Amino acid sequence: MVRNGESLTLGPVQARRDQGGYRIGFIPRGTGLAAPEAFWKSLDVVAIVAGKMVKSLAELTTGKGRQNVASPIGITRVSSDAVKQGGNYYLRVLSLISLSLALLNLLPLLPLDGGHILFTLIEGARGRFVRREIYERVSVVGLALVLLLFFIGLTNDISGLS
């Protein structure tokens, strides 16, 4: 292991007694947030990420936001870079990726959960099921949009490898 430019040899570590228990490894430092404050802070972060995602998707329709889309290749590259910067940074990036994927899944496109939620609401409001043909056609359009989004991310990541 290299720390501050010097090579260190780390041997086995014994558990240390801390706060009535034994610990091996790192001990988190800093101050935490109280539950209500953490809840509101998390809602702020979700709102910020959702807003940026909506803005990026809107820019995609004009062709400007293309560089903001990544495929699993780009996600892996960003995660790998984050690991090199430290565990705290990696966890932040990982949480942002997870949140982004969760919000993306809520888009009202039929292969995604948001599409199923939308169709369930439509069926509930109408009081009857949507015809299968309509469901299939909307699914094909939604799947095409999801594949297009994936293709844009893939071309971005492949062009970024060289």
N, C-alpha and C. Protein backbone atom coordinates (compact mmCIF):
# COMPACT_ATOMS: atom_id res chain seq x y z
N MET A 1 0.85 -1.17 0.00
CA MET A 1 0.00 0.00 0.00
C MET A 1 0.89 1.23 0.00
N VAL A 2 0.48 2.27 -0.74
CA VAL A 2 1.22 3.52 -0.80
C VAL A 2 0.37 4.59 -0.13
N ARG A 3 0.97 5.27 0.85
CA ARG A 3 0.29 6.35 1.54
C ARG A 3 1.23 7.53 1.62
N ASN A 4 0.76 8.69 1.14
CA ASN A 4 1.56 9.92 1.12
C ASN A 4 2.90 9.70 0.44
N GLY A 5 2.90 8.90 -0.63
CA GLY A 5 4.11 8.66 -1.39
C GLY A 5 5.05 7.63 -0.80
N GLU A 6 4.74 7.08 0.35
CA GLU A 6 5.59 6.08 0.98
C GLU A 6 4.91 4.73 0.95
N SER A 7 5.73 3.68 0.75
CA SER A 7 5.21 2.33 0.72
C SER A 7 5.05 1.82 2.15
N LEU A 8 3.88 1.29 2.44
CA LEU A 8 3.59 0.75 3.76
C LEU A 8 3.25 -0.72 3.64
N THR A 9 3.71 -1.50 4.59
CA THR A 9 3.32 -2.90 4.66
C THR A 9 2.34 -3.04 5.81
N LEU A 10 1.17 -3.52 5.49
CA LEU A 10 0.13 -3.68 6.50
C LEU A 10 0.01 -5.15 6.87
N GLY A 11 0.02 -5.40 8.15
CA GLY A 11 -0.12 -6.76 8.63
C GLY A 11 -1.52 -6.99 9.15
N PRO A 12 -1.71 -8.10 9.85
CA PRO A 12 -3.03 -8.38 10.41
C PRO A 12 -3.41 -7.32 11.45
N VAL A 13 -4.69 -7.08 11.55
CA VAL A 13 -5.19 -6.06 12.46
C VAL A 13 -6.04 -6.75 13.52
N GLN A 14 -5.81 -6.37 14.76
CA GLN A 14 -6.63 -6.90 15.84
C GLN A 14 -7.83 -6.00 16.06
N ALA A 15 -8.88 -6.60 16.53
CA ALA A 15 -10.07 -5.83 16.84
C ALA A 15 -9.80 -4.91 18.02
N ARG A 16 -10.36 -3.69 17.93
CA ARG A 16 -10.22 -2.72 19.02
C ARG A 16 -11.55 -2.57 19.72
N ARG A 17 -11.47 -2.38 21.02
CA ARG A 17 -12.71 -2.16 21.79
C ARG A 17 -13.10 -0.70 21.61
N ASP A 18 -14.37 -0.49 21.22
CA ASP A 18 -14.84 0.86 20.97
C ASP A 18 -16.33 0.92 21.28
N GLN A 19 -16.72 1.81 22.16
CA GLN A 19 -18.12 2.04 22.50
C GLN A 19 -18.85 0.75 22.87
N GLY A 20 -18.25 -0.04 23.68
CA GLY A 20 -18.88 -1.24 24.17
C GLY A 20 -18.84 -2.43 23.23
N GLY A 21 -18.17 -2.30 22.09
CA GLY A 21 -18.08 -3.40 21.12
C GLY A 21 -16.67 -3.45 20.54
N TYR A 22 -16.45 -4.37 19.66
CA TYR A 22 -15.16 -4.51 19.01
C TYR A 22 -15.29 -4.10 17.55
N ARG A 23 -14.25 -3.41 17.06
CA ARG A 23 -14.25 -2.94 15.67
C ARG A 23 -12.98 -3.37 14.97
N ILE A 24 -13.15 -3.71 13.71
CA ILE A 24 -12.02 -3.96 12.82
C ILE A 24 -12.24 -3.06 11.62
N GLY A 25 -11.22 -2.34 11.23
CA GLY A 25 -11.33 -1.51 10.04
C GLY A 25 -11.49 -0.05 10.37
N PHE A 26 -12.28 0.64 9.57
CA PHE A 26 -12.41 2.09 9.73
C PHE A 26 -13.54 2.44 10.67
N ILE A 27 -13.43 3.63 11.23
CA ILE A 27 -14.47 4.17 12.09
C ILE A 27 -14.94 5.46 11.43
N PRO A 28 -16.22 5.56 11.10
CA PRO A 28 -16.71 6.78 10.46
C PRO A 28 -16.52 7.99 11.38
N ARG A 29 -16.12 9.08 10.76
CA ARG A 29 -15.95 10.33 11.50
C ARG A 29 -16.96 11.34 11.00
N GLY A 30 -17.11 12.40 11.73
CA GLY A 30 -18.04 13.44 11.32
C GLY A 30 -19.31 13.36 12.13
N THR A 31 -20.18 14.26 11.81
CA THR A 31 -21.45 14.28 12.53
C THR A 31 -22.55 13.82 11.59
N GLY A 32 -23.46 13.10 12.13
CA GLY A 32 -24.60 12.62 11.35
C GLY A 32 -25.72 13.63 11.39
N LEU A 33 -26.77 13.32 10.71
CA LEU A 33 -27.95 14.18 10.71
C LEU A 33 -29.05 13.50 11.50
N ALA A 34 -29.86 14.29 12.14
CA ALA A 34 -31.03 13.74 12.81
C ALA A 34 -31.99 13.23 11.74
N ALA A 35 -32.84 12.28 12.08
CA ALA A 35 -33.72 11.64 11.11
C ALA A 35 -34.57 12.64 10.31
N PRO A 36 -35.23 13.61 10.94
CA PRO A 36 -36.03 14.55 10.14
C PRO A 36 -35.18 15.37 9.17
N GLU A 37 -34.03 15.81 9.64
CA GLU A 37 -33.14 16.60 8.79
C GLU A 37 -32.61 15.75 7.63
N ALA A 38 -32.26 14.49 7.90
CA ALA A 38 -31.79 13.59 6.85
C ALA A 38 -32.88 13.34 5.82
N PHE A 39 -34.12 13.19 6.28
CA PHE A 39 -35.24 12.98 5.37
C PHE A 39 -35.39 14.15 4.41
N TRP A 40 -35.40 15.38 4.93
CA TRP A 40 -35.57 16.56 4.07
C TRP A 40 -34.37 16.76 3.16
N LYS A 41 -33.18 16.46 3.66
CA LYS A 41 -31.98 16.56 2.82
C LYS A 41 -32.05 15.56 1.67
N SER A 42 -32.54 14.35 1.95
CA SER A 42 -32.66 13.35 0.89
C SER A 42 -33.68 13.78 -0.16
N LEU A 43 -34.77 14.41 0.26
CA LEU A 43 -35.75 14.91 -0.70
C LEU A 43 -35.15 16.02 -1.57
N ASP A 44 -34.30 16.86 -0.97
CA ASP A 44 -33.61 17.90 -1.74
C ASP A 44 -32.74 17.28 -2.82
N VAL A 45 -31.99 16.24 -2.45
CA VAL A 45 -31.09 15.59 -3.41
C VAL A 45 -31.90 14.94 -4.53
N VAL A 46 -33.00 14.27 -4.18
CA VAL A 46 -33.85 13.65 -5.21
C VAL A 46 -34.40 14.73 -6.14
N ALA A 47 -34.84 15.84 -5.60
CA ALA A 47 -35.38 16.92 -6.43
C ALA A 47 -34.32 17.48 -7.37
N ILE A 48 -33.10 17.65 -6.88
CA ILE A 48 -32.02 18.17 -7.72
C ILE A 48 -31.70 17.20 -8.85
N VAL A 49 -31.55 15.92 -8.51
CA VAL A 49 -31.22 14.92 -9.53
C VAL A 49 -32.37 14.78 -10.53
N ALA A 50 -33.60 14.77 -10.05
CA ALA A 50 -34.75 14.66 -10.96
C ALA A 50 -34.82 15.87 -11.89
N GLY A 51 -34.56 17.05 -11.37
CA GLY A 51 -34.56 18.25 -12.20
C GLY A 51 -33.50 18.20 -13.28
N LYS A 52 -32.31 17.76 -12.89
CA LYS A 52 -31.23 17.66 -13.89
C LYS A 52 -31.53 16.58 -14.93
N MET A 53 -32.19 15.50 -14.50
CA MET A 53 -32.53 14.44 -15.45
C MET A 53 -33.58 14.94 -16.44
N VAL A 54 -34.59 15.65 -15.95
CA VAL A 54 -35.62 16.20 -16.85
C VAL A 54 -34.98 17.17 -17.82
N LYS A 55 -34.07 18.00 -17.33
CA LYS A 55 -33.40 18.96 -18.20
C LYS A 55 -32.57 18.24 -19.26
N SER A 56 -31.85 17.20 -18.85
CA SER A 56 -31.03 16.44 -19.81
C SER A 56 -31.89 15.75 -20.85
N LEU A 57 -33.01 15.16 -20.42
CA LEU A 57 -33.90 14.50 -21.38
C LEU A 57 -34.52 15.51 -22.34
N ALA A 58 -34.86 16.70 -21.84
CA ALA A 58 -35.40 17.75 -22.71
C ALA A 58 -34.34 18.20 -23.71
N GLU A 59 -33.10 18.31 -23.26
CA GLU A 59 -32.01 18.70 -24.16
C GLU A 59 -31.75 17.62 -25.21
N LEU A 60 -32.02 16.37 -24.87
CA LEU A 60 -31.83 15.28 -25.84
C LEU A 60 -32.72 15.47 -27.05
N THR A 61 -33.89 16.03 -26.85
CA THR A 61 -34.80 16.22 -27.98
C THR A 61 -34.27 17.25 -28.97
N THR A 62 -33.41 18.16 -28.48
CA THR A 62 -32.81 19.16 -29.37
C THR A 62 -31.42 18.74 -29.82
N GLY A 63 -30.90 17.64 -29.26
CA GLY A 63 -29.58 17.15 -29.65
C GLY A 63 -28.45 17.69 -28.80
N LYS A 64 -28.75 18.61 -27.87
CA LYS A 64 -27.68 19.20 -27.05
C LYS A 64 -27.25 18.30 -25.90
N GLY A 65 -28.14 17.51 -25.33
CA GLY A 65 -27.82 16.74 -24.13
C GLY A 65 -27.25 15.37 -24.39
N ARG A 66 -26.84 15.09 -25.61
CA ARG A 66 -26.36 13.76 -25.97
C ARG A 66 -25.17 13.31 -25.14
N GLN A 67 -24.27 14.20 -24.82
CA GLN A 67 -23.05 13.86 -24.08
C GLN A 67 -23.32 13.47 -22.63
N ASN A 68 -24.53 13.73 -22.13
CA ASN A 68 -24.86 13.41 -20.75
C ASN A 68 -25.37 11.99 -20.56
N VAL A 69 -25.47 11.21 -21.64
CA VAL A 69 -26.02 9.86 -21.57
C VAL A 69 -24.86 8.86 -21.57
N ALA A 70 -24.95 7.87 -20.69
CA ALA A 70 -23.92 6.83 -20.60
C ALA A 70 -24.58 5.46 -20.57
N SER A 71 -23.85 4.48 -21.06
CA SER A 71 -24.30 3.08 -21.02
C SER A 71 -23.59 2.41 -19.84
N PRO A 72 -23.79 1.12 -19.66
CA PRO A 72 -23.06 0.42 -18.58
C PRO A 72 -21.53 0.57 -18.68
N ILE A 73 -21.02 0.76 -19.89
CA ILE A 73 -19.57 0.96 -20.05
C ILE A 73 -19.15 2.26 -19.35
N GLY A 74 -19.87 3.34 -19.61
CA GLY A 74 -19.56 4.61 -18.98
C GLY A 74 -19.78 4.59 -17.49
N ILE A 75 -20.84 3.91 -17.06
CA ILE A 75 -21.12 3.81 -15.64
C ILE A 75 -19.99 3.07 -14.93
N THR A 76 -19.49 2.02 -15.56
CA THR A 76 -18.36 1.27 -14.98
C THR A 76 -17.11 2.13 -14.93
N ARG A 77 -16.86 2.90 -15.99
CA ARG A 77 -15.68 3.78 -16.02
C ARG A 77 -15.75 4.85 -14.93
N VAL A 78 -16.92 5.47 -14.78
CA VAL A 78 -17.09 6.50 -13.75
C VAL A 78 -16.94 5.88 -12.35
N SER A 79 -17.51 4.69 -12.17
CA SER A 79 -17.39 4.01 -10.87
C SER A 79 -15.95 3.67 -10.56
N SER A 80 -15.23 3.21 -11.56
CA SER A 80 -13.81 2.87 -11.37
C SER A 80 -13.00 4.11 -11.00
N ASP A 81 -13.27 5.21 -11.67
CA ASP A 81 -12.58 6.46 -11.34
C ASP A 81 -12.92 6.92 -9.92
N ALA A 82 -14.16 6.71 -9.52
CA ALA A 82 -14.60 7.12 -8.18
C ALA A 82 -13.92 6.28 -7.11
N VAL A 83 -13.70 5.00 -7.37
CA VAL A 83 -13.01 4.14 -6.40
C VAL A 83 -11.60 4.66 -6.15
N LYS A 84 -10.96 5.12 -7.20
CA LYS A 84 -9.59 5.65 -7.07
C LYS A 84 -9.55 6.91 -6.21
N GLN A 85 -10.65 7.64 -6.15
CA GLN A 85 -10.69 8.87 -5.37
C GLN A 85 -11.09 8.65 -3.92
N GLY A 86 -11.48 7.43 -3.59
CA GLY A 86 -11.79 7.13 -2.20
C GLY A 86 -13.18 6.57 -2.01
N GLY A 87 -13.35 5.88 -0.90
CA GLY A 87 -14.60 5.21 -0.60
C GLY A 87 -15.78 6.15 -0.47
N ASN A 88 -15.57 7.29 0.16
CA ASN A 88 -16.66 8.25 0.35
C ASN A 88 -17.17 8.76 -0.99
N TYR A 89 -16.25 9.11 -1.88
CA TYR A 89 -16.62 9.60 -3.21
C TYR A 89 -17.31 8.49 -4.00
N TYR A 90 -16.80 7.27 -3.89
CA TYR A 90 -17.40 6.13 -4.59
C TYR A 90 -18.84 5.90 -4.15
N LEU A 91 -19.09 5.97 -2.86
CA LEU A 91 -20.45 5.76 -2.36
C LEU A 91 -21.39 6.86 -2.85
N ARG A 92 -20.88 8.08 -2.95
CA ARG A 92 -21.71 9.16 -3.48
C ARG A 92 -22.06 8.93 -4.94
N VAL A 93 -21.06 8.55 -5.73
CA VAL A 93 -21.30 8.28 -7.15
C VAL A 93 -22.26 7.11 -7.30
N LEU A 94 -22.04 6.06 -6.53
CA LEU A 94 -22.91 4.89 -6.59
C LEU A 94 -24.35 5.24 -6.23
N SER A 95 -24.53 6.08 -5.22
CA SER A 95 -25.88 6.47 -4.84
C SER A 95 -26.52 7.34 -5.92
N LEU A 96 -25.75 8.21 -6.58
CA LEU A 96 -26.31 9.02 -7.66
C LEU A 96 -26.69 8.17 -8.86
N ILE A 97 -25.87 7.16 -9.16
CA ILE A 97 -26.20 6.24 -10.26
C ILE A 97 -27.48 5.49 -9.94
N SER A 98 -27.59 4.99 -8.72
CA SER A 98 -28.79 4.25 -8.31
C SER A 98 -30.03 5.13 -8.37
N LEU A 99 -29.91 6.35 -7.87
CA LEU A 99 -31.03 7.28 -7.90
C LEU A 99 -31.42 7.62 -9.33
N SER A 100 -30.43 7.85 -10.19
CA SER A 100 -30.71 8.16 -11.59
C SER A 100 -31.43 7.01 -12.29
N LEU A 101 -30.99 5.79 -12.03
CA LEU A 101 -31.65 4.63 -12.64
C LEU A 101 -33.07 4.47 -12.11
N ALA A 102 -33.26 4.73 -10.83
CA ALA A 102 -34.61 4.64 -10.27
C ALA A 102 -35.54 5.67 -10.90
N LEU A 103 -35.06 6.90 -11.05
CA LEU A 103 -35.88 7.94 -11.67
C LEU A 103 -36.13 7.65 -13.14
N LEU A 104 -35.12 7.14 -13.83
CA LEU A 104 -35.28 6.78 -15.23
C LEU A 104 -36.34 5.70 -15.39
N ASN A 105 -36.37 4.76 -14.46
CA ASN A 105 -37.35 3.69 -14.48
C ASN A 105 -38.78 4.20 -14.29
N LEU A 106 -38.92 5.39 -13.74
CA LEU A 106 -40.25 5.96 -13.52
C LEU A 106 -40.76 6.77 -14.71
N LEU A 107 -39.96 6.84 -15.79
CA LEU A 107 -40.45 7.52 -16.99
C LEU A 107 -41.69 6.80 -17.50
N PRO A 108 -42.66 7.54 -18.01
CA PRO A 108 -43.91 6.91 -18.44
C PRO A 108 -43.80 6.21 -19.80
N LEU A 109 -42.79 5.39 -19.96
CA LEU A 109 -42.62 4.56 -21.15
C LEU A 109 -42.97 3.13 -20.76
N LEU A 110 -43.73 2.46 -21.59
CA LEU A 110 -44.34 1.21 -21.17
C LEU A 110 -43.41 0.08 -20.75
N PRO A 111 -42.26 -0.12 -21.34
CA PRO A 111 -41.48 -1.23 -20.78
C PRO A 111 -40.96 -0.92 -19.38
N LEU A 112 -40.97 0.34 -18.99
CA LEU A 112 -40.49 0.74 -17.67
C LEU A 112 -41.65 0.76 -16.68
N ASP A 113 -41.31 0.78 -15.40
CA ASP A 113 -42.34 0.77 -14.36
C ASP A 113 -43.25 1.99 -14.45
N GLY A 114 -42.70 3.14 -14.82
CA GLY A 114 -43.51 4.34 -14.95
C GLY A 114 -44.61 4.17 -15.99
N GLY A 115 -44.32 3.43 -17.07
CA GLY A 115 -45.33 3.16 -18.09
C GLY A 115 -46.43 2.27 -17.56
N HIS A 116 -46.06 1.27 -16.77
CA HIS A 116 -47.07 0.39 -16.18
C HIS A 116 -47.94 1.16 -15.18
N ILE A 117 -47.32 2.05 -14.42
CA ILE A 117 -48.08 2.88 -13.48
C ILE A 117 -49.07 3.77 -14.25
N LEU A 118 -48.59 4.38 -15.34
CA LEU A 118 -49.44 5.24 -16.15
C LEU A 118 -50.63 4.47 -16.73
N PHE A 119 -50.36 3.29 -17.28
CA PHE A 119 -51.46 2.50 -17.86
C PHE A 119 -52.43 2.03 -16.78
N THR A 120 -51.94 1.72 -15.61
CA THR A 120 -52.83 1.34 -14.51
C THR A 120 -53.73 2.50 -14.12
N LEU A 121 -53.17 3.71 -14.08
CA LEU A 121 -53.97 4.89 -13.76
C LEU A 121 -55.01 5.16 -14.85
N ILE A 122 -54.61 5.01 -16.11
CA ILE A 122 -55.54 5.21 -17.22
C ILE A 122 -56.67 4.20 -17.15
N GLU A 123 -56.32 2.93 -16.91
CA GLU A 123 -57.34 1.89 -16.83
C GLU A 123 -58.27 2.13 -15.64
N GLY A 124 -57.71 2.60 -14.52
CA GLY A 124 -58.54 2.90 -13.36
C GLY A 124 -59.49 4.04 -13.61
N ALA A 125 -59.02 5.07 -14.33
CA ALA A 125 -59.87 6.22 -14.63
C ALA A 125 -60.96 5.85 -15.64
N ARG A 126 -60.63 5.00 -16.60
CA ARG A 126 -61.60 4.58 -17.62
C ARG A 126 -62.57 3.53 -17.09
N GLY A 127 -62.13 2.78 -16.10
CA GLY A 127 -62.98 1.72 -15.57
C GLY A 127 -62.93 0.44 -16.39
N ARG A 128 -62.02 0.36 -17.34
CA ARG A 128 -61.86 -0.87 -18.13
C ARG A 128 -60.43 -0.94 -18.65
N PHE A 129 -60.05 -2.13 -19.09
CA PHE A 129 -58.69 -2.35 -19.57
C PHE A 129 -58.46 -1.67 -20.91
N VAL A 130 -57.20 -1.30 -21.15
CA VAL A 130 -56.80 -0.79 -22.46
C VAL A 130 -56.68 -2.00 -23.39
N ARG A 131 -57.11 -1.83 -24.64
CA ARG A 131 -57.04 -2.95 -25.59
C ARG A 131 -55.60 -3.40 -25.78
N ARG A 132 -55.44 -4.67 -25.98
CA ARG A 132 -54.11 -5.28 -26.10
C ARG A 132 -53.32 -4.67 -27.27
N GLU A 133 -53.97 -4.37 -28.37
CA GLU A 133 -53.28 -3.81 -29.54
C GLU A 133 -52.64 -2.46 -29.19
N ILE A 134 -53.38 -1.64 -28.46
CA ILE A 134 -52.86 -0.33 -28.06
C ILE A 134 -51.68 -0.51 -27.11
N TYR A 135 -51.84 -1.42 -26.18
CA TYR A 135 -50.78 -1.72 -25.21
C TYR A 135 -49.51 -2.15 -25.94
N GLU A 136 -49.65 -3.02 -26.94
CA GLU A 136 -48.49 -3.52 -27.69
C GLU A 136 -47.84 -2.42 -28.51
N ARG A 137 -48.64 -1.59 -29.16
CA ARG A 137 -48.08 -0.50 -29.98
C ARG A 137 -47.32 0.51 -29.12
N VAL A 138 -47.92 0.86 -28.00
CA VAL A 138 -47.25 1.81 -27.10
C VAL A 138 -45.97 1.17 -26.53
N SER A 139 -46.00 -0.14 -26.28
CA SER A 139 -44.81 -0.84 -25.79
C SER A 139 -43.68 -0.80 -26.81
N VAL A 140 -44.02 -0.99 -28.09
CA VAL A 140 -43.00 -0.96 -29.14
C VAL A 140 -42.36 0.43 -29.22
N VAL A 141 -43.17 1.47 -29.14
CA VAL A 141 -42.64 2.84 -29.19
C VAL A 141 -41.75 3.10 -27.97
N GLY A 142 -42.22 2.71 -26.80
CA GLY A 142 -41.44 2.92 -25.58
C GLY A 142 -40.14 2.14 -25.61
N LEU A 143 -40.20 0.90 -26.06
CA LEU A 143 -38.99 0.09 -26.16
C LEU A 143 -38.01 0.70 -27.15
N ALA A 144 -38.52 1.22 -28.26
CA ALA A 144 -37.65 1.88 -29.25
C ALA A 144 -36.96 3.09 -28.63
N LEU A 145 -37.68 3.87 -27.83
CA LEU A 145 -37.08 5.04 -27.18
C LEU A 145 -36.02 4.63 -26.16
N VAL A 146 -36.29 3.58 -25.40
CA VAL A 146 -35.31 3.09 -24.42
C VAL A 146 -34.07 2.58 -25.14
N LEU A 147 -34.26 1.83 -26.22
CA LEU A 147 -33.11 1.33 -26.99
C LEU A 147 -32.33 2.47 -27.62
N LEU A 148 -33.03 3.51 -28.09
CA LEU A 148 -32.35 4.67 -28.65
C LEU A 148 -31.50 5.36 -27.58
N LEU A 149 -32.04 5.50 -26.40
CA LEU A 149 -31.30 6.09 -25.28
C LEU A 149 -30.06 5.25 -24.96
N PHE A 150 -30.23 3.94 -24.94
CA PHE A 150 -29.10 3.03 -24.69
C PHE A 150 -28.07 3.15 -25.81
N PHE A 151 -28.52 3.22 -27.05
CA PHE A 151 -27.60 3.33 -28.18
C PHE A 151 -26.81 4.64 -28.13
N ILE A 152 -27.47 5.73 -27.77
CA ILE A 152 -26.76 7.01 -27.63
C ILE A 152 -25.68 6.90 -26.56
N GLY A 153 -26.02 6.31 -25.42
CA GLY A 153 -25.03 6.13 -24.35
C GLY A 153 -23.90 5.25 -24.79
N LEU A 154 -24.21 4.18 -25.50
CA LEU A 154 -23.18 3.24 -25.96
C LEU A 154 -22.23 3.91 -26.94
N THR A 155 -22.77 4.70 -27.89
CA THR A 155 -21.89 5.39 -28.84
C THR A 155 -21.04 6.44 -28.13
N ASN A 156 -21.60 7.11 -27.13
CA ASN A 156 -20.80 8.06 -26.35
C ASN A 156 -19.64 7.36 -25.66
N ASP A 157 -19.93 6.21 -25.05
CA ASP A 157 -18.90 5.50 -24.29
C ASP A 157 -17.84 4.89 -25.19
N ILE A 158 -18.24 4.37 -26.33
CA ILE A 158 -17.27 3.79 -27.26
C ILE A 158 -16.37 4.88 -27.83
N SER A 159 -16.96 6.02 -28.18
CA SER A 159 -16.13 7.12 -28.69
C SER A 159 -15.21 7.69 -27.63
N GLY A 160 -15.60 7.57 -26.35
CA GLY A 160 -14.78 8.06 -25.26
C GLY A 160 -13.66 7.11 -24.86
N LEU A 161 -13.67 5.87 -25.37
CA LEU A 161 -12.63 4.91 -25.02
C LEU A 161 -11.33 5.21 -25.75
N SER A 162 -11.40 5.82 -26.93
CA SER A 162 -10.16 6.05 -27.68
C SER A 162 -9.46 7.30 -27.29
